[in-house]
Every structure is written in structure tokens, then in C-alpha cells.
Amino acid sequence: MASRIPTMKLLSLVLSSFVIVQIALAGDPDILSDFLVPNQNNVDGSFFTYTGMRVLVNQSTFPANFTILKASMVEFPALNGQSVSYAVLQYPASSLNPPHTHPRAAELLFLVDGSLEVGFVDTTNKLFTQSLQAGDMFIFPKGLVHYQYNEDPNNPAIAISSFGSANAGTVSLPKTLFATNIDDTILAKSFKTDVSTIQALKAGLA
């Protein structure tokens, strides 16, 4: 029995290393074909075309609230397996894209029009901020909490974001914390406040 202990420890170490490597390589997996389609016998060029952004060209009025128009594999199935997706973000005057994360991809934002205050927080809780003008780009590293704010009270802003995943995912911190039935007492203790404050925050997001 004593001779088996080093072997078990070695096996445990090997398995642990494998898990760490898999985590380090996490992302969209490589595919073993040119593309992924439900039925390759009936595919044509229309499968690789997404027309959902045409509404931007024909838009006569700017949205009243912050709006995201996405082209991920959910909206555009041809992106499945291609490790890329896209979003157009429209910020009315004084609007905010609240703190959130994308667990499966970095975000490269290109500001087309207007101005934005942007920022992200790294894993040491250091905040990185920047004031962007039209033509600027900013990278939000994968998985880190970030936001965008159009502080201009008179003018809207438009940005285009690209992601290194067909389905980057979005975790909105306000909604995740205050709109998912986490117990009020747990949240109150976590934020060192009282239950009535937590209930007021939840009511504001209802």
C-alpha cells in the first residue's frame, strides 16, 4: 500500500495539470471542417449573409435608450465555429452601458461617432479609464468587468464592438446581482448595507 501513495500523488498531479491547461486554453474550439451548418447539402450564400444591421441604415431616429444590435451565432448561425462576432452599440446622450463582463472573449471597441468614457477593472482591482473620441479604439480584456458611458448631455454616440468568440456571452453585474433572486440578506451582508437598501436596488431593476 505504501508504494502506491507516490503513484496516486503523481496521477493526481497529472490530472490537475491537465485541468489547468484546459482552463488556460479555454475559448472557442477549433472545428474540423470549413464551417458548421445544420445541413451542408442545402447551403448557399444566403446562409453566410446577415441582414440584421440594415435597420441601422434605414434608421430615422436615434434610440431613446442604450441599444445593442448583435450579430453573434444566436442571430447569425454561420458564425458558429468561426470565433468572431459583432455588435453595434448606440448611446443616447447621458446614457450608460452598465458594468458587465464577457466570459468567453475580449472586446475590441471602435468609436464611430461621439465620445465615450470607458473603463475596466483588472484582477488586482485596478481601474483603467480613458476618454474616447470618434476614430479611437479600446480593448476590454477577456472576462474583466468593464463599462461605457456617454457623458455628453446633448449628443449621442455610436460604437462597433468585435469579439473573439461566436458567442462571447454577457454578464450584467446589476442584473446578475439584483435581478436573479439572490437572498436579500446575503446581498446586504456582501455589500455591508441593510435589506431595505437591497430591496430598493432590486425594485429599481424590476
N, C-alpha and C. Protein backbone atom coordinates (compact mmCIF):
# COMPACT_ATOMS: atom_id res chain seq x y z
N MET A 1 0.82 -1.20 0.00
CA MET A 1 0.00 0.00 0.00
C MET A 1 0.87 1.26 0.00
N ALA A 2 1.95 1.24 0.79
CA ALA A 2 2.82 2.42 0.87
C ALA A 2 3.42 2.78 -0.48
N SER A 3 3.71 1.76 -1.31
CA SER A 3 4.33 2.01 -2.60
C SER A 3 3.37 2.67 -3.58
N ARG A 4 2.06 2.59 -3.29
CA ARG A 4 1.07 3.17 -4.21
C ARG A 4 0.87 4.67 -3.97
N ILE A 5 1.26 5.17 -2.81
CA ILE A 5 1.00 6.57 -2.50
C ILE A 5 1.69 7.52 -3.48
N PRO A 6 2.98 7.35 -3.77
CA PRO A 6 3.61 8.24 -4.76
C PRO A 6 2.93 8.18 -6.12
N THR A 7 2.49 6.98 -6.53
CA THR A 7 1.81 6.82 -7.81
C THR A 7 0.50 7.60 -7.83
N MET A 8 -0.27 7.53 -6.73
CA MET A 8 -1.53 8.25 -6.65
C MET A 8 -1.30 9.77 -6.68
N LYS A 9 -0.24 10.21 -5.99
CA LYS A 9 0.07 11.63 -6.00
C LYS A 9 0.47 12.09 -7.39
N LEU A 10 1.25 11.25 -8.09
CA LEU A 10 1.67 11.58 -9.44
C LEU A 10 0.46 11.66 -10.37
N LEU A 11 -0.46 10.70 -10.24
CA LEU A 11 -1.66 10.70 -11.07
C LEU A 11 -2.49 11.94 -10.80
N SER A 12 -2.61 12.29 -9.51
CA SER A 12 -3.37 13.49 -9.15
C SER A 12 -2.74 14.74 -9.74
N LEU A 13 -1.39 14.81 -9.71
CA LEU A 13 -0.68 15.96 -10.27
C LEU A 13 -0.89 16.06 -11.77
N VAL A 14 -0.83 14.93 -12.46
CA VAL A 14 -1.03 14.91 -13.92
C VAL A 14 -2.43 15.37 -14.26
N LEU A 15 -3.42 14.86 -13.53
CA LEU A 15 -4.81 15.25 -13.81
C LEU A 15 -5.03 16.74 -13.52
N SER A 16 -4.44 17.23 -12.44
CA SER A 16 -4.57 18.65 -12.11
C SER A 16 -3.93 19.52 -13.19
N SER A 17 -2.78 19.09 -13.69
CA SER A 17 -2.10 19.85 -14.74
C SER A 17 -2.94 19.90 -16.00
N PHE A 18 -3.60 18.77 -16.31
CA PHE A 18 -4.45 18.71 -17.49
C PHE A 18 -5.60 19.71 -17.38
N VAL A 19 -6.20 19.79 -16.19
CA VAL A 19 -7.30 20.74 -15.97
C VAL A 19 -6.81 22.16 -16.13
N ILE A 20 -5.64 22.47 -15.58
CA ILE A 20 -5.08 23.82 -15.68
C ILE A 20 -4.82 24.18 -17.14
N VAL A 21 -4.27 23.26 -17.90
CA VAL A 21 -4.01 23.50 -19.32
C VAL A 21 -5.31 23.76 -20.07
N GLN A 22 -6.35 22.98 -19.75
CA GLN A 22 -7.64 23.17 -20.42
C GLN A 22 -8.22 24.54 -20.11
N ILE A 23 -8.08 24.98 -18.85
CA ILE A 23 -8.58 26.30 -18.48
C ILE A 23 -7.79 27.38 -19.22
N ALA A 24 -6.47 27.22 -19.31
CA ALA A 24 -5.63 28.21 -19.97
C ALA A 24 -5.97 28.32 -21.46
N LEU A 25 -6.42 27.22 -22.05
CA LEU A 25 -6.73 27.20 -23.47
C LEU A 25 -8.20 27.44 -23.75
N ALA A 26 -8.97 27.79 -22.71
CA ALA A 26 -10.41 27.95 -22.87
C ALA A 26 -10.72 29.00 -23.93
N GLY A 27 -11.70 28.73 -24.74
CA GLY A 27 -12.13 29.62 -25.81
C GLY A 27 -12.90 28.80 -26.81
N ASP A 28 -13.27 29.41 -27.93
CA ASP A 28 -13.98 28.65 -28.95
C ASP A 28 -13.09 27.54 -29.48
N PRO A 29 -13.57 26.31 -29.51
CA PRO A 29 -12.74 25.21 -30.01
C PRO A 29 -12.56 25.29 -31.53
N ASP A 30 -11.42 24.78 -32.00
CA ASP A 30 -11.21 24.68 -33.44
C ASP A 30 -12.19 23.66 -34.01
N ILE A 31 -12.67 23.93 -35.22
CA ILE A 31 -13.57 22.99 -35.87
C ILE A 31 -12.79 22.18 -36.90
N LEU A 32 -13.33 21.03 -37.27
CA LEU A 32 -12.64 20.11 -38.17
C LEU A 32 -13.21 20.14 -39.58
N SER A 33 -13.89 21.24 -39.90
CA SER A 33 -14.41 21.43 -41.26
C SER A 33 -14.32 22.92 -41.58
N ASP A 34 -14.63 23.27 -42.82
CA ASP A 34 -14.54 24.67 -43.22
C ASP A 34 -15.51 25.55 -42.44
N PHE A 35 -16.70 25.02 -42.19
CA PHE A 35 -17.74 25.75 -41.47
C PHE A 35 -18.75 24.75 -40.94
N LEU A 36 -19.63 25.24 -40.07
CA LEU A 36 -20.64 24.39 -39.45
C LEU A 36 -22.02 24.86 -39.90
N VAL A 37 -22.77 23.96 -40.50
CA VAL A 37 -24.14 24.26 -40.92
C VAL A 37 -25.03 23.08 -40.55
N PRO A 38 -26.32 23.33 -40.33
CA PRO A 38 -27.23 22.22 -39.99
C PRO A 38 -27.30 21.16 -41.07
N ASN A 39 -27.32 21.59 -42.34
CA ASN A 39 -27.42 20.64 -43.45
C ASN A 39 -26.56 21.15 -44.59
N GLN A 40 -25.35 20.57 -44.75
CA GLN A 40 -24.40 21.08 -45.74
C GLN A 40 -24.85 20.83 -47.17
N ASN A 41 -25.84 19.99 -47.37
CA ASN A 41 -26.28 19.70 -48.74
C ASN A 41 -27.12 20.84 -49.32
N ASN A 42 -27.70 21.66 -48.47
CA ASN A 42 -28.61 22.69 -48.96
C ASN A 42 -28.11 24.10 -48.67
N VAL A 43 -26.83 24.27 -48.37
CA VAL A 43 -26.33 25.59 -48.02
C VAL A 43 -25.96 26.39 -49.26
N ASP A 44 -26.23 27.70 -49.23
CA ASP A 44 -25.80 28.60 -50.30
C ASP A 44 -25.33 29.90 -49.66
N GLY A 45 -25.08 30.91 -50.47
CA GLY A 45 -24.52 32.16 -49.98
C GLY A 45 -25.39 32.87 -48.96
N SER A 46 -26.70 32.63 -49.00
CA SER A 46 -27.58 33.32 -48.07
C SER A 46 -27.31 32.89 -46.62
N PHE A 47 -26.81 31.68 -46.43
CA PHE A 47 -26.50 31.22 -45.07
C PHE A 47 -25.39 32.05 -44.45
N PHE A 48 -24.47 32.55 -45.27
CA PHE A 48 -23.32 33.31 -44.80
C PHE A 48 -23.57 34.82 -44.82
N THR A 49 -24.82 35.22 -45.01
CA THR A 49 -25.20 36.63 -45.08
C THR A 49 -26.11 36.98 -43.92
N TYR A 50 -25.80 38.10 -43.26
CA TYR A 50 -26.65 38.58 -42.16
C TYR A 50 -27.16 39.97 -42.52
N THR A 51 -28.47 40.15 -42.51
CA THR A 51 -29.08 41.41 -42.94
C THR A 51 -29.64 42.21 -41.75
N GLY A 52 -29.39 41.75 -40.55
CA GLY A 52 -29.98 42.38 -39.38
C GLY A 52 -29.49 43.78 -39.10
N MET A 53 -28.37 44.18 -39.71
CA MET A 53 -27.84 45.52 -39.48
C MET A 53 -28.45 46.56 -40.44
N ARG A 54 -29.28 46.12 -41.36
CA ARG A 54 -29.89 47.07 -42.30
C ARG A 54 -30.75 48.10 -41.59
N VAL A 55 -31.28 47.74 -40.44
CA VAL A 55 -32.12 48.68 -39.70
C VAL A 55 -31.35 49.94 -39.34
N LEU A 56 -30.02 49.82 -39.18
CA LEU A 56 -29.21 50.99 -38.86
C LEU A 56 -29.16 51.96 -40.03
N VAL A 57 -29.10 51.41 -41.25
CA VAL A 57 -29.03 52.25 -42.44
C VAL A 57 -30.34 53.00 -42.65
N ASN A 58 -31.45 52.32 -42.33
CA ASN A 58 -32.77 52.91 -42.56
C ASN A 58 -33.32 53.62 -41.32
N GLN A 59 -32.54 53.73 -40.27
CA GLN A 59 -33.00 54.31 -39.01
C GLN A 59 -33.17 55.82 -39.15
N SER A 60 -34.38 56.31 -38.85
CA SER A 60 -34.65 57.75 -39.00
C SER A 60 -34.50 58.50 -37.68
N THR A 61 -34.65 57.82 -36.55
CA THR A 61 -34.48 58.46 -35.25
C THR A 61 -33.54 57.62 -34.39
N PHE A 62 -32.82 58.29 -33.52
CA PHE A 62 -31.88 57.61 -32.63
C PHE A 62 -32.66 56.98 -31.48
N PRO A 63 -32.27 55.79 -31.02
CA PRO A 63 -32.99 55.16 -29.91
C PRO A 63 -33.00 56.04 -28.66
N ALA A 64 -34.08 55.94 -27.89
CA ALA A 64 -34.21 56.73 -26.68
C ALA A 64 -33.38 56.16 -25.53
N ASN A 65 -33.10 54.85 -25.60
CA ASN A 65 -32.31 54.18 -24.57
C ASN A 65 -31.09 53.52 -25.19
N PHE A 66 -30.10 53.22 -24.34
CA PHE A 66 -28.92 52.49 -24.82
C PHE A 66 -29.37 51.20 -25.51
N THR A 67 -28.84 50.97 -26.71
CA THR A 67 -29.30 49.85 -27.53
C THR A 67 -28.11 49.09 -28.09
N ILE A 68 -28.20 47.76 -28.06
CA ILE A 68 -27.17 46.90 -28.65
C ILE A 68 -27.81 46.07 -29.76
N LEU A 69 -27.22 46.12 -30.92
CA LEU A 69 -27.65 45.27 -32.04
C LEU A 69 -26.54 44.25 -32.27
N LYS A 70 -26.84 42.97 -32.00
CA LYS A 70 -25.81 41.94 -32.02
C LYS A 70 -25.83 41.11 -33.29
N ALA A 71 -24.65 40.62 -33.65
CA ALA A 71 -24.52 39.58 -34.68
C ALA A 71 -23.62 38.51 -34.10
N SER A 72 -24.19 37.68 -33.24
CA SER A 72 -23.49 36.52 -32.68
C SER A 72 -24.07 35.27 -33.33
N MET A 73 -23.59 34.10 -32.91
CA MET A 73 -24.10 32.87 -33.53
C MET A 73 -25.58 32.66 -33.25
N VAL A 74 -26.12 33.34 -32.23
CA VAL A 74 -27.55 33.24 -31.95
C VAL A 74 -28.34 33.89 -33.07
N GLU A 75 -27.92 35.09 -33.47
CA GLU A 75 -28.61 35.82 -34.54
C GLU A 75 -28.13 35.39 -35.93
N PHE A 76 -26.88 34.95 -36.01
CA PHE A 76 -26.22 34.67 -37.30
C PHE A 76 -25.53 33.31 -37.19
N PRO A 77 -26.25 32.22 -37.40
CA PRO A 77 -25.71 30.87 -37.17
C PRO A 77 -24.45 30.53 -37.93
N ALA A 78 -24.16 31.21 -39.05
CA ALA A 78 -22.95 30.93 -39.81
C ALA A 78 -21.69 31.24 -39.01
N LEU A 79 -21.80 32.03 -37.92
CA LEU A 79 -20.64 32.35 -37.10
C LEU A 79 -20.21 31.18 -36.21
N ASN A 80 -21.05 30.19 -36.06
CA ASN A 80 -20.72 29.05 -35.21
C ASN A 80 -19.41 28.40 -35.67
N GLY A 81 -18.44 28.35 -34.76
CA GLY A 81 -17.14 27.76 -35.08
C GLY A 81 -16.14 28.73 -35.66
N GLN A 82 -16.52 29.97 -35.91
CA GLN A 82 -15.62 30.93 -36.56
C GLN A 82 -14.91 31.87 -35.58
N SER A 83 -15.23 31.79 -34.30
CA SER A 83 -14.54 32.57 -33.25
C SER A 83 -14.58 34.07 -33.49
N VAL A 84 -15.70 34.56 -33.98
CA VAL A 84 -15.85 36.00 -34.20
C VAL A 84 -17.32 36.36 -34.07
N SER A 85 -17.60 37.55 -33.54
CA SER A 85 -18.94 38.11 -33.54
C SER A 85 -18.83 39.63 -33.46
N TYR A 86 -19.98 40.29 -33.46
CA TYR A 86 -20.01 41.72 -33.75
C TYR A 86 -21.18 42.35 -33.01
N ALA A 87 -21.08 43.61 -32.68
CA ALA A 87 -22.20 44.33 -32.09
C ALA A 87 -22.08 45.81 -32.42
N VAL A 88 -23.22 46.44 -32.64
CA VAL A 88 -23.29 47.89 -32.80
C VAL A 88 -23.99 48.44 -31.57
N LEU A 89 -23.33 49.40 -30.91
CA LEU A 89 -23.84 49.96 -29.67
C LEU A 89 -24.22 51.42 -29.89
N GLN A 90 -25.45 51.76 -29.52
CA GLN A 90 -25.96 53.12 -29.69
C GLN A 90 -26.24 53.73 -28.32
N TYR A 91 -25.58 54.86 -28.04
CA TYR A 91 -25.67 55.51 -26.74
C TYR A 91 -26.36 56.87 -26.90
N PRO A 92 -27.59 57.01 -26.47
CA PRO A 92 -28.19 58.35 -26.45
C PRO A 92 -27.40 59.25 -25.50
N ALA A 93 -27.66 60.54 -25.53
CA ALA A 93 -26.98 61.48 -24.63
C ALA A 93 -27.15 61.04 -23.17
N SER A 94 -26.07 61.08 -22.42
CA SER A 94 -26.06 60.76 -20.99
C SER A 94 -26.47 59.32 -20.67
N SER A 95 -26.20 58.40 -21.57
CA SER A 95 -26.59 57.00 -21.34
C SER A 95 -25.37 56.15 -20.99
N LEU A 96 -25.65 54.97 -20.45
CA LEU A 96 -24.62 54.10 -19.89
C LEU A 96 -24.82 52.66 -20.33
N ASN A 97 -23.72 51.99 -20.65
CA ASN A 97 -23.70 50.53 -20.75
C ASN A 97 -23.13 50.06 -19.41
N PRO A 98 -23.97 49.54 -18.50
CA PRO A 98 -23.55 49.29 -17.12
C PRO A 98 -22.41 48.28 -17.02
N PRO A 99 -21.74 48.23 -15.87
CA PRO A 99 -20.65 47.27 -15.68
C PRO A 99 -21.09 45.84 -15.99
N HIS A 100 -20.25 45.15 -16.79
CA HIS A 100 -20.57 43.79 -17.22
C HIS A 100 -19.28 43.08 -17.61
N THR A 101 -19.39 41.81 -17.90
CA THR A 101 -18.24 41.04 -18.39
C THR A 101 -18.66 40.21 -19.60
N HIS A 102 -17.66 39.80 -20.38
CA HIS A 102 -17.85 38.82 -21.45
C HIS A 102 -16.96 37.63 -21.12
N PRO A 103 -17.52 36.54 -20.61
CA PRO A 103 -16.69 35.44 -20.11
C PRO A 103 -15.91 34.68 -21.16
N ARG A 104 -16.31 34.79 -22.44
CA ARG A 104 -15.65 33.96 -23.45
C ARG A 104 -14.84 34.74 -24.48
N ALA A 105 -14.70 36.06 -24.31
CA ALA A 105 -13.96 36.81 -25.33
C ALA A 105 -13.55 38.19 -24.84
N ALA A 106 -12.45 38.69 -25.40
CA ALA A 106 -12.11 40.10 -25.28
C ALA A 106 -13.04 40.89 -26.20
N GLU A 107 -13.13 42.19 -25.95
CA GLU A 107 -13.95 43.07 -26.77
C GLU A 107 -13.09 44.21 -27.31
N LEU A 108 -13.08 44.38 -28.61
CA LEU A 108 -12.37 45.49 -29.25
C LEU A 108 -13.41 46.49 -29.73
N LEU A 109 -13.45 47.66 -29.09
CA LEU A 109 -14.47 48.67 -29.39
C LEU A 109 -13.89 49.76 -30.27
N PHE A 110 -14.61 50.12 -31.32
CA PHE A 110 -14.25 51.21 -32.23
C PHE A 110 -15.35 52.26 -32.15
N LEU A 111 -15.00 53.47 -31.74
CA LEU A 111 -15.98 54.55 -31.60
C LEU A 111 -16.16 55.25 -32.95
N VAL A 112 -17.35 55.12 -33.50
CA VAL A 112 -17.65 55.67 -34.83
C VAL A 112 -18.02 57.14 -34.75
N ASP A 113 -18.80 57.50 -33.72
CA ASP A 113 -19.28 58.87 -33.63
C ASP A 113 -19.50 59.24 -32.17
N GLY A 114 -19.27 60.51 -31.83
CA GLY A 114 -19.49 60.97 -30.47
C GLY A 114 -18.27 60.77 -29.59
N SER A 115 -18.51 60.71 -28.29
CA SER A 115 -17.45 60.49 -27.32
C SER A 115 -17.94 59.53 -26.25
N LEU A 116 -17.00 58.82 -25.61
CA LEU A 116 -17.33 57.86 -24.57
C LEU A 116 -16.28 57.89 -23.47
N GLU A 117 -16.72 57.71 -22.25
CA GLU A 117 -15.84 57.40 -21.14
C GLU A 117 -15.91 55.89 -20.95
N VAL A 118 -14.77 55.21 -20.99
CA VAL A 118 -14.75 53.76 -20.87
C VAL A 118 -13.79 53.35 -19.77
N GLY A 119 -13.97 52.14 -19.27
CA GLY A 119 -13.06 51.66 -18.24
C GLY A 119 -13.24 50.18 -17.97
N PHE A 120 -12.19 49.57 -17.42
CA PHE A 120 -12.29 48.20 -16.94
C PHE A 120 -11.46 48.05 -15.67
N VAL A 121 -11.78 47.01 -14.91
CA VAL A 121 -11.09 46.73 -13.65
C VAL A 121 -10.37 45.39 -13.78
N ASP A 122 -9.06 45.37 -13.47
CA ASP A 122 -8.32 44.11 -13.59
C ASP A 122 -8.48 43.27 -12.31
N THR A 123 -7.79 42.14 -12.27
CA THR A 123 -7.97 41.21 -11.15
C THR A 123 -7.27 41.67 -9.87
N THR A 124 -6.54 42.80 -9.93
CA THR A 124 -5.98 43.40 -8.72
C THR A 124 -6.84 44.58 -8.26
N ASN A 125 -8.00 44.73 -8.89
CA ASN A 125 -8.95 45.82 -8.59
C ASN A 125 -8.41 47.19 -9.01
N LYS A 126 -7.52 47.22 -9.99
CA LYS A 126 -7.05 48.49 -10.54
C LYS A 126 -7.97 48.90 -11.68
N LEU A 127 -8.41 50.16 -11.66
CA LEU A 127 -9.30 50.69 -12.68
C LEU A 127 -8.49 51.39 -13.77
N PHE A 128 -8.79 51.03 -15.03
CA PHE A 128 -8.19 51.67 -16.19
C PHE A 128 -9.29 52.40 -16.95
N THR A 129 -9.16 53.72 -17.11
CA THR A 129 -10.18 54.51 -17.79
C THR A 129 -9.58 55.30 -18.94
N GLN A 130 -10.45 55.70 -19.84
CA GLN A 130 -9.99 56.51 -20.98
C GLN A 130 -11.18 57.28 -21.55
N SER A 131 -10.91 58.49 -22.04
CA SER A 131 -11.89 59.28 -22.77
C SER A 131 -11.66 59.05 -24.26
N LEU A 132 -12.67 58.53 -24.94
CA LEU A 132 -12.54 58.21 -26.36
C LEU A 132 -13.24 59.25 -27.22
N GLN A 133 -12.63 59.54 -28.36
CA GLN A 133 -13.24 60.37 -29.39
C GLN A 133 -13.44 59.53 -30.64
N ALA A 134 -14.29 60.02 -31.52
CA ALA A 134 -14.58 59.29 -32.76
C ALA A 134 -13.28 58.91 -33.48
N GLY A 135 -13.19 57.66 -33.87
CA GLY A 135 -11.99 57.14 -34.52
C GLY A 135 -11.08 56.37 -33.59
N ASP A 136 -11.32 56.46 -32.27
CA ASP A 136 -10.49 55.74 -31.30
C ASP A 136 -10.96 54.30 -31.12
N MET A 137 -10.02 53.45 -30.70
CA MET A 137 -10.32 52.06 -30.37
C MET A 137 -9.88 51.79 -28.93
N PHE A 138 -10.55 50.83 -28.28
CA PHE A 138 -10.21 50.46 -26.91
C PHE A 138 -10.46 48.97 -26.74
N ILE A 139 -9.54 48.29 -26.05
CA ILE A 139 -9.68 46.85 -25.83
C ILE A 139 -10.10 46.58 -24.39
N PHE A 140 -11.13 45.77 -24.22
CA PHE A 140 -11.54 45.30 -22.91
C PHE A 140 -11.09 43.84 -22.80
N PRO A 141 -10.12 43.54 -21.94
CA PRO A 141 -9.61 42.17 -21.86
C PRO A 141 -10.71 41.16 -21.47
N LYS A 142 -10.51 39.96 -21.91
CA LYS A 142 -11.48 38.88 -21.71
C LYS A 142 -11.82 38.69 -20.24
N GLY A 143 -13.12 38.66 -19.95
CA GLY A 143 -13.60 38.30 -18.63
C GLY A 143 -13.56 39.39 -17.59
N LEU A 144 -12.99 40.56 -17.90
CA LEU A 144 -12.88 41.62 -16.90
C LEU A 144 -14.10 42.55 -16.92
N VAL A 145 -14.45 43.06 -15.73
CA VAL A 145 -15.59 43.97 -15.61
C VAL A 145 -15.27 45.28 -16.32
N HIS A 146 -16.20 45.75 -17.14
CA HIS A 146 -15.98 46.99 -17.88
C HIS A 146 -17.30 47.71 -18.14
N TYR A 147 -17.21 48.95 -18.62
CA TYR A 147 -18.40 49.77 -18.86
C TYR A 147 -18.07 50.81 -19.94
N GLN A 148 -19.14 51.44 -20.45
CA GLN A 148 -19.01 52.59 -21.34
C GLN A 148 -20.08 53.61 -20.95
N TYR A 149 -19.70 54.88 -20.96
CA TYR A 149 -20.63 55.95 -20.55
C TYR A 149 -20.52 57.13 -21.50
N ASN A 150 -21.66 57.52 -22.07
CA ASN A 150 -21.72 58.73 -22.89
C ASN A 150 -22.13 59.88 -21.97
N GLU A 151 -21.16 60.62 -21.48
CA GLU A 151 -21.46 61.69 -20.53
C GLU A 151 -21.89 62.99 -21.21
N ASP A 152 -21.86 63.02 -22.54
CA ASP A 152 -22.30 64.20 -23.28
C ASP A 152 -23.82 64.36 -23.10
N PRO A 153 -24.30 65.48 -22.56
CA PRO A 153 -25.73 65.65 -22.31
C PRO A 153 -26.54 66.01 -23.56
N ASN A 154 -25.85 66.25 -24.66
CA ASN A 154 -26.55 66.74 -25.86
C ASN A 154 -26.42 65.84 -27.08
N ASN A 155 -25.35 65.04 -27.15
CA ASN A 155 -25.08 64.29 -28.37
C ASN A 155 -24.99 62.79 -28.13
N PRO A 156 -25.51 62.00 -29.07
CA PRO A 156 -25.40 60.55 -28.95
C PRO A 156 -24.01 60.06 -29.38
N ALA A 157 -23.79 58.78 -29.20
CA ALA A 157 -22.54 58.15 -29.65
C ALA A 157 -22.87 56.78 -30.24
N ILE A 158 -22.03 56.35 -31.17
CA ILE A 158 -22.19 55.03 -31.79
C ILE A 158 -20.84 54.33 -31.80
N ALA A 159 -20.83 53.06 -31.41
CA ALA A 159 -19.59 52.28 -31.41
C ALA A 159 -19.86 50.91 -32.01
N ILE A 160 -18.80 50.31 -32.53
CA ILE A 160 -18.84 48.94 -33.06
C ILE A 160 -17.88 48.10 -32.24
N SER A 161 -18.35 46.96 -31.77
CA SER A 161 -17.50 46.06 -31.00
C SER A 161 -17.36 44.73 -31.71
N SER A 162 -16.13 44.21 -31.72
CA SER A 162 -15.89 42.87 -32.24
C SER A 162 -15.39 41.99 -31.10
N PHE A 163 -15.72 40.71 -31.17
CA PHE A 163 -15.40 39.76 -30.12
C PHE A 163 -14.69 38.55 -30.71
N GLY A 164 -13.76 37.98 -29.95
CA GLY A 164 -13.03 36.79 -30.40
C GLY A 164 -13.74 35.50 -30.07
N SER A 165 -15.06 35.52 -30.16
CA SER A 165 -15.88 34.33 -29.93
C SER A 165 -17.17 34.50 -30.71
N ALA A 166 -17.72 33.40 -31.18
CA ALA A 166 -19.01 33.46 -31.85
C ALA A 166 -20.13 33.71 -30.85
N ASN A 167 -19.84 33.47 -29.57
CA ASN A 167 -20.84 33.68 -28.53
C ASN A 167 -20.11 34.13 -27.27
N ALA A 168 -19.76 35.43 -27.21
CA ALA A 168 -18.94 35.95 -26.12
C ALA A 168 -19.63 35.88 -24.77
N GLY A 169 -20.97 35.97 -24.76
CA GLY A 169 -21.72 35.99 -23.52
C GLY A 169 -21.62 37.34 -22.84
N THR A 170 -22.66 37.72 -22.12
CA THR A 170 -22.65 38.97 -21.36
C THR A 170 -23.22 38.72 -19.98
N VAL A 171 -22.46 39.10 -18.97
CA VAL A 171 -22.91 39.00 -17.58
C VAL A 171 -23.03 40.43 -17.06
N SER A 172 -24.26 40.93 -16.96
CA SER A 172 -24.51 42.28 -16.44
C SER A 172 -24.49 42.24 -14.92
N LEU A 173 -23.58 42.99 -14.31
CA LEU A 173 -23.46 42.94 -12.85
C LEU A 173 -24.73 43.38 -12.13
N PRO A 174 -25.35 44.51 -12.52
CA PRO A 174 -26.58 44.89 -11.80
C PRO A 174 -27.67 43.81 -11.89
N LYS A 175 -27.90 43.27 -13.10
CA LYS A 175 -28.95 42.26 -13.24
C LYS A 175 -28.57 40.95 -12.57
N THR A 176 -27.31 40.55 -12.70
CA THR A 176 -26.87 39.30 -12.10
C THR A 176 -27.00 39.33 -10.58
N LEU A 177 -26.68 40.46 -9.98
CA LEU A 177 -26.71 40.57 -8.52
C LEU A 177 -28.10 40.86 -7.97
N PHE A 178 -28.85 41.72 -8.67
CA PHE A 178 -30.09 42.21 -8.07
C PHE A 178 -31.37 41.79 -8.80
N ALA A 179 -31.26 40.97 -9.81
CA ALA A 179 -32.47 40.54 -10.54
C ALA A 179 -32.49 39.02 -10.74
N THR A 180 -31.81 38.29 -9.87
CA THR A 180 -31.76 36.82 -10.03
C THR A 180 -32.15 36.09 -8.75
N ASN A 181 -32.87 36.75 -7.86
CA ASN A 181 -33.40 36.13 -6.63
C ASN A 181 -32.34 35.69 -5.63
N ILE A 182 -31.15 36.29 -5.68
CA ILE A 182 -30.20 36.06 -4.60
C ILE A 182 -30.82 36.63 -3.33
N ASP A 183 -30.73 35.91 -2.23
CA ASP A 183 -31.37 36.31 -0.98
C ASP A 183 -30.94 37.72 -0.56
N ASP A 184 -31.91 38.53 -0.12
CA ASP A 184 -31.64 39.91 0.28
C ASP A 184 -30.61 39.99 1.41
N THR A 185 -30.68 39.06 2.35
CA THR A 185 -29.75 39.07 3.48
C THR A 185 -28.31 38.83 3.01
N ILE A 186 -28.16 37.90 2.07
CA ILE A 186 -26.82 37.61 1.54
C ILE A 186 -26.25 38.84 0.84
N LEU A 187 -27.08 39.50 0.05
CA LEU A 187 -26.62 40.71 -0.64
C LEU A 187 -26.33 41.83 0.34
N ALA A 188 -27.18 41.99 1.35
CA ALA A 188 -26.96 43.05 2.35
C ALA A 188 -25.64 42.84 3.08
N LYS A 189 -25.36 41.59 3.47
CA LYS A 189 -24.10 41.30 4.15
C LYS A 189 -22.91 41.50 3.22
N SER A 190 -23.08 41.11 1.95
CA SER A 190 -21.99 41.24 0.97
C SER A 190 -21.61 42.69 0.73
N PHE A 191 -22.62 43.56 0.68
CA PHE A 191 -22.38 44.98 0.40
C PHE A 191 -22.34 45.83 1.67
N LYS A 192 -22.38 45.16 2.83
CA LYS A 192 -22.30 45.85 4.12
C LYS A 192 -23.35 46.95 4.23
N THR A 193 -24.59 46.59 3.89
CA THR A 193 -25.70 47.52 3.98
C THR A 193 -26.89 46.80 4.60
N ASP A 194 -28.08 47.37 4.47
CA ASP A 194 -29.28 46.74 5.06
C ASP A 194 -30.19 46.19 3.98
N VAL A 195 -31.11 45.36 4.40
CA VAL A 195 -32.01 44.68 3.47
C VAL A 195 -32.88 45.68 2.71
N SER A 196 -33.32 46.75 3.36
CA SER A 196 -34.18 47.73 2.69
C SER A 196 -33.46 48.39 1.51
N THR A 197 -32.15 48.62 1.65
CA THR A 197 -31.38 49.19 0.54
C THR A 197 -31.31 48.22 -0.63
N ILE A 198 -31.08 46.94 -0.31
CA ILE A 198 -31.05 45.91 -1.35
C ILE A 198 -32.40 45.81 -2.05
N GLN A 199 -33.48 45.87 -1.31
CA GLN A 199 -34.81 45.78 -1.91
C GLN A 199 -35.09 46.99 -2.80
N ALA A 200 -34.58 48.14 -2.41
CA ALA A 200 -34.74 49.34 -3.25
C ALA A 200 -33.98 49.18 -4.57
N LEU A 201 -32.78 48.60 -4.49
CA LEU A 201 -31.99 48.35 -5.72
C LEU A 201 -32.71 47.35 -6.61
N LYS A 202 -33.26 46.30 -6.02
CA LYS A 202 -33.99 45.30 -6.81
C LYS A 202 -35.21 45.91 -7.46
N ALA A 203 -35.91 46.75 -6.73
CA ALA A 203 -37.11 47.39 -7.28
C ALA A 203 -36.77 48.28 -8.47
N GLY A 204 -35.60 48.94 -8.40
CA GLY A 204 -35.19 49.79 -9.50
C GLY A 204 -34.87 49.04 -10.76
N LEU A 205 -34.53 47.76 -10.64
CA LEU A 205 -34.21 46.93 -11.82
C LEU A 205 -35.37 46.08 -12.27
N ALA A 206 -36.47 46.11 -11.54
CA ALA A 206 -37.62 45.26 -11.88
C ALA A 206 -38.23 45.70 -13.20
